[in-house]
């Protein structure tokens, strides 16, 4: 599992405690690099990230055949309904 953005520390501890092999990326560019290295089964993604935001990350992931069907759960504090349409 790959944790990008979100409340990383507590979430990482929780996932590891439950036996998941979780990896953190602090921005969208690091998350793209981590896809190549760690081959996750799932990505937990925040929209608000430096360098490359979650929307940009997800757009690149969906455009790549290798990751097109990778499950991504978007967790964000943003309440703008427009973001919902962008991540579906």
N, C-alpha and C. Protein backbone atom coordinates (compact mmCIF):
# COMPACT_ATOMS: atom_id res chain seq x y z
N UNK A 1 0.85 -1.16 0.00
CA UNK A 1 0.00 0.00 0.00
C UNK A 1 0.90 1.22 0.00
N UNK A 2 0.44 2.22 -0.66
CA UNK A 2 1.22 3.44 -0.79
C UNK A 2 0.42 4.59 -0.20
N UNK A 3 1.04 5.34 0.70
CA UNK A 3 0.37 6.46 1.35
C UNK A 3 0.99 7.74 0.83
N UNK A 4 0.23 8.50 0.08
CA UNK A 4 0.73 9.76 -0.47
C UNK A 4 -0.10 10.90 0.08
N UNK A 5 0.54 11.90 0.64
CA UNK A 5 -0.17 13.02 1.21
C UNK A 5 -0.81 12.64 2.54
N UNK A 6 -2.07 12.89 2.72
CA UNK A 6 -2.90 12.64 3.91
C UNK A 6 -2.12 12.77 5.23
N UNK A 7 -2.74 12.42 6.34
CA UNK A 7 -2.11 12.47 7.66
C UNK A 7 -1.18 11.27 7.76
N UNK A 8 -0.01 11.43 7.20
CA UNK A 8 0.87 10.30 6.94
C UNK A 8 1.30 9.51 8.17
N UNK A 9 1.80 10.19 9.19
CA UNK A 9 2.35 9.47 10.35
C UNK A 9 1.38 8.52 11.01
N UNK A 10 0.24 9.02 11.50
CA UNK A 10 -0.71 8.13 12.17
C UNK A 10 -1.25 7.04 11.25
N UNK A 11 -1.51 7.39 10.02
CA UNK A 11 -2.03 6.40 9.08
C UNK A 11 -0.99 5.32 8.79
N UNK A 12 0.25 5.73 8.63
CA UNK A 12 1.33 4.77 8.39
C UNK A 12 1.46 3.80 9.57
N UNK A 13 1.44 4.31 10.78
CA UNK A 13 1.55 3.45 11.97
C UNK A 13 0.38 2.47 12.04
N UNK A 14 -0.81 2.97 11.76
CA UNK A 14 -1.99 2.11 11.80
C UNK A 14 -1.89 0.99 10.77
N UNK A 15 -1.52 1.33 9.55
CA UNK A 15 -1.42 0.32 8.49
C UNK A 15 -0.34 -0.71 8.80
N UNK A 16 0.81 -0.24 9.25
CA UNK A 16 1.90 -1.18 9.59
C UNK A 16 1.52 -2.06 10.76
N UNK A 17 0.82 -1.48 11.74
CA UNK A 17 0.37 -2.27 12.89
C UNK A 17 -0.56 -3.39 12.44
N UNK A 18 -1.35 -3.13 11.42
CA UNK A 18 -2.27 -4.14 10.90
C UNK A 18 -1.63 -5.05 9.85
N UNK A 19 -0.31 -4.95 9.68
CA UNK A 19 0.40 -5.89 8.83
C UNK A 19 0.60 -5.47 7.38
N UNK A 20 0.22 -4.25 7.04
CA UNK A 20 0.42 -3.78 5.67
C UNK A 20 1.84 -3.27 5.48
N UNK A 21 2.37 -3.47 4.30
CA UNK A 21 3.66 -2.93 3.93
C UNK A 21 3.41 -1.56 3.31
N UNK A 22 3.37 -0.54 4.14
CA UNK A 22 2.99 0.80 3.69
C UNK A 22 4.25 1.64 3.45
N UNK A 23 4.19 2.47 2.42
CA UNK A 23 5.28 3.35 2.03
C UNK A 23 4.72 4.77 1.93
N UNK A 24 5.51 5.75 2.33
CA UNK A 24 5.07 7.15 2.28
C UNK A 24 5.77 7.89 1.16
N UNK A 25 5.02 8.75 0.50
CA UNK A 25 5.58 9.73 -0.43
C UNK A 25 5.09 11.09 0.05
N UNK A 26 5.97 12.09 0.06
CA UNK A 26 5.58 13.39 0.59
C UNK A 26 5.01 14.31 -0.48
N UNK A 27 5.10 13.91 -1.75
CA UNK A 27 4.52 14.70 -2.82
C UNK A 27 4.20 13.79 -4.00
N UNK A 28 3.51 14.33 -4.98
CA UNK A 28 3.08 13.52 -6.13
C UNK A 28 4.22 12.96 -6.95
N UNK A 29 5.30 13.70 -7.08
CA UNK A 29 6.45 13.22 -7.84
C UNK A 29 7.10 12.03 -7.15
N UNK A 30 7.26 12.12 -5.84
CA UNK A 30 7.78 10.98 -5.08
C UNK A 30 6.85 9.78 -5.20
N UNK A 31 5.56 10.04 -5.22
CA UNK A 31 4.59 8.95 -5.34
C UNK A 31 4.73 8.24 -6.67
N UNK A 32 4.95 8.99 -7.75
CA UNK A 32 5.17 8.36 -9.06
C UNK A 32 6.42 7.48 -9.04
N UNK A 33 7.48 7.98 -8.44
CA UNK A 33 8.71 7.18 -8.32
C UNK A 33 8.46 5.92 -7.49
N UNK A 34 7.68 6.06 -6.43
CA UNK A 34 7.40 4.92 -5.55
C UNK A 34 6.59 3.84 -6.27
N UNK A 35 5.75 4.23 -7.22
CA UNK A 35 5.00 3.23 -7.99
C UNK A 35 5.94 2.26 -8.68
N UNK A 36 7.01 2.79 -9.25
CA UNK A 36 7.98 1.96 -9.96
C UNK A 36 8.72 1.03 -9.02
N UNK A 37 9.04 1.52 -7.84
CA UNK A 37 9.86 0.77 -6.88
C UNK A 37 9.06 -0.24 -6.07
N UNK A 38 7.86 0.14 -5.64
CA UNK A 38 7.12 -0.66 -4.67
C UNK A 38 5.93 -1.42 -5.22
N UNK A 39 5.50 -1.12 -6.42
CA UNK A 39 4.37 -1.84 -7.06
C UNK A 39 3.20 -2.04 -6.09
N UNK A 40 2.53 -0.96 -5.68
CA UNK A 40 1.48 -1.07 -4.67
C UNK A 40 0.22 -1.74 -5.20
N UNK A 41 -0.57 -2.26 -4.27
CA UNK A 41 -1.89 -2.81 -4.59
C UNK A 41 -2.96 -1.74 -4.45
N UNK A 42 -2.63 -0.66 -3.75
CA UNK A 42 -3.58 0.39 -3.45
C UNK A 42 -2.82 1.68 -3.14
N UNK A 43 -3.38 2.82 -3.53
CA UNK A 43 -2.80 4.12 -3.20
C UNK A 43 -3.84 4.92 -2.42
N UNK A 44 -3.42 5.46 -1.28
CA UNK A 44 -4.22 6.43 -0.54
C UNK A 44 -3.63 7.78 -0.89
N UNK A 45 -4.45 8.67 -1.41
CA UNK A 45 -3.96 9.89 -2.02
C UNK A 45 -4.65 11.13 -1.49
N UNK A 46 -3.85 12.14 -1.19
CA UNK A 46 -4.39 13.45 -0.82
C UNK A 46 -4.35 14.34 -2.05
N UNK A 47 -5.27 15.26 -2.17
CA UNK A 47 -5.25 16.19 -3.29
C UNK A 47 -4.22 17.29 -3.06
N UNK A 48 -4.12 17.75 -1.82
CA UNK A 48 -3.19 18.84 -1.50
C UNK A 48 -1.80 18.29 -1.18
N UNK A 49 -0.92 18.34 -2.17
CA UNK A 49 0.47 17.93 -1.99
C UNK A 49 1.36 18.91 -2.73
N UNK A 50 2.58 19.10 -2.24
CA UNK A 50 3.51 19.98 -2.95
C UNK A 50 4.09 19.30 -4.19
N UNK A 51 4.75 20.05 -5.01
CA UNK A 51 5.45 19.61 -6.22
C UNK A 51 4.47 19.15 -7.30
N UNK A 52 3.65 18.18 -7.00
CA UNK A 52 2.61 17.69 -7.92
C UNK A 52 1.41 17.32 -7.05
N UNK A 53 0.28 17.94 -7.30
CA UNK A 53 -0.88 17.65 -6.45
C UNK A 53 -1.52 16.30 -6.82
N UNK A 54 -2.50 15.90 -6.02
CA UNK A 54 -3.14 14.61 -6.22
C UNK A 54 -3.87 14.47 -7.54
N UNK A 55 -4.47 15.55 -8.03
CA UNK A 55 -5.17 15.50 -9.32
C UNK A 55 -4.17 15.24 -10.44
N UNK A 56 -3.05 15.96 -10.41
CA UNK A 56 -2.01 15.77 -11.44
C UNK A 56 -1.46 14.35 -11.38
N UNK A 57 -1.19 13.87 -10.15
CA UNK A 57 -0.70 12.51 -9.96
C UNK A 57 -1.68 11.49 -10.55
N UNK A 58 -2.94 11.63 -10.19
CA UNK A 58 -3.96 10.67 -10.64
C UNK A 58 -4.12 10.71 -12.15
N UNK A 59 -4.04 11.88 -12.75
CA UNK A 59 -4.14 12.00 -14.21
C UNK A 59 -3.01 11.22 -14.88
N UNK A 60 -1.80 11.35 -14.36
CA UNK A 60 -0.66 10.61 -14.94
C UNK A 60 -0.79 9.11 -14.72
N UNK A 61 -1.26 8.73 -13.55
CA UNK A 61 -1.44 7.31 -13.24
C UNK A 61 -2.47 6.68 -14.18
N UNK A 62 -3.58 7.36 -14.37
CA UNK A 62 -4.64 6.82 -15.24
C UNK A 62 -4.24 6.80 -16.71
N UNK A 63 -3.29 7.61 -17.10
CA UNK A 63 -2.83 7.64 -18.50
C UNK A 63 -1.80 6.55 -18.78
N UNK A 64 -1.28 5.92 -17.75
CA UNK A 64 -0.25 4.89 -17.90
C UNK A 64 -0.92 3.51 -17.85
N UNK A 65 -0.76 2.72 -18.89
CA UNK A 65 -1.39 1.39 -18.97
C UNK A 65 -1.07 0.52 -17.76
N UNK A 66 0.14 0.63 -17.24
CA UNK A 66 0.54 -0.21 -16.10
C UNK A 66 -0.26 0.10 -14.85
N UNK A 67 -0.72 1.32 -14.70
CA UNK A 67 -1.38 1.76 -13.47
C UNK A 67 -2.83 2.15 -13.69
N UNK A 68 -3.30 2.01 -14.88
CA UNK A 68 -4.65 2.45 -15.24
C UNK A 68 -5.72 1.91 -14.29
N UNK A 69 -5.57 0.68 -13.85
CA UNK A 69 -6.58 0.02 -13.02
C UNK A 69 -6.18 -0.06 -11.54
N UNK A 70 -5.12 0.63 -11.17
CA UNK A 70 -4.67 0.64 -9.78
C UNK A 70 -5.72 1.33 -8.91
N UNK A 71 -6.18 0.67 -7.87
CA UNK A 71 -7.16 1.32 -6.98
C UNK A 71 -6.53 2.51 -6.25
N UNK A 72 -7.23 3.62 -6.26
CA UNK A 72 -6.78 4.83 -5.58
C UNK A 72 -7.94 5.34 -4.73
N UNK A 73 -7.66 5.54 -3.45
CA UNK A 73 -8.64 6.14 -2.54
C UNK A 73 -8.15 7.55 -2.25
N UNK A 74 -8.99 8.53 -2.54
CA UNK A 74 -8.63 9.92 -2.32
C UNK A 74 -9.17 10.34 -0.95
N UNK A 75 -8.25 10.79 -0.10
CA UNK A 75 -8.60 11.32 1.22
C UNK A 75 -8.19 12.78 1.23
N UNK A 76 -9.10 13.66 1.53
CA UNK A 76 -8.75 15.08 1.53
C UNK A 76 -9.67 15.85 2.46
N UNK A 77 -9.17 16.97 2.94
CA UNK A 77 -9.97 17.86 3.77
C UNK A 77 -10.76 18.85 2.91
N UNK A 78 -10.50 18.86 1.62
CA UNK A 78 -11.19 19.79 0.73
C UNK A 78 -12.65 19.41 0.58
N UNK A 79 -13.51 20.41 0.55
CA UNK A 79 -14.94 20.16 0.42
C UNK A 79 -15.48 20.60 -0.93
N UNK A 80 -14.65 20.98 -1.84
CA UNK A 80 -15.08 21.47 -3.14
C UNK A 80 -15.63 20.30 -3.98
N UNK A 81 -16.91 20.32 -4.33
CA UNK A 81 -17.49 19.22 -5.13
C UNK A 81 -16.83 19.04 -6.49
N UNK A 82 -16.17 20.07 -7.01
CA UNK A 82 -15.51 19.95 -8.31
C UNK A 82 -14.40 18.91 -8.27
N UNK A 83 -13.76 18.75 -7.11
CA UNK A 83 -12.70 17.75 -7.00
C UNK A 83 -13.23 16.34 -7.16
N UNK A 84 -14.43 16.11 -6.69
CA UNK A 84 -15.03 14.77 -6.80
C UNK A 84 -15.12 14.35 -8.27
N UNK A 85 -15.53 15.26 -9.13
CA UNK A 85 -15.63 14.95 -10.55
C UNK A 85 -14.25 14.70 -11.16
N UNK A 86 -13.24 15.39 -10.68
CA UNK A 86 -11.90 15.24 -11.24
C UNK A 86 -11.25 13.91 -10.87
N UNK A 87 -11.64 13.31 -9.78
CA UNK A 87 -10.98 12.07 -9.34
C UNK A 87 -11.76 10.82 -9.67
N UNK A 88 -12.89 10.95 -10.33
CA UNK A 88 -13.67 9.75 -10.66
C UNK A 88 -13.23 9.17 -11.97
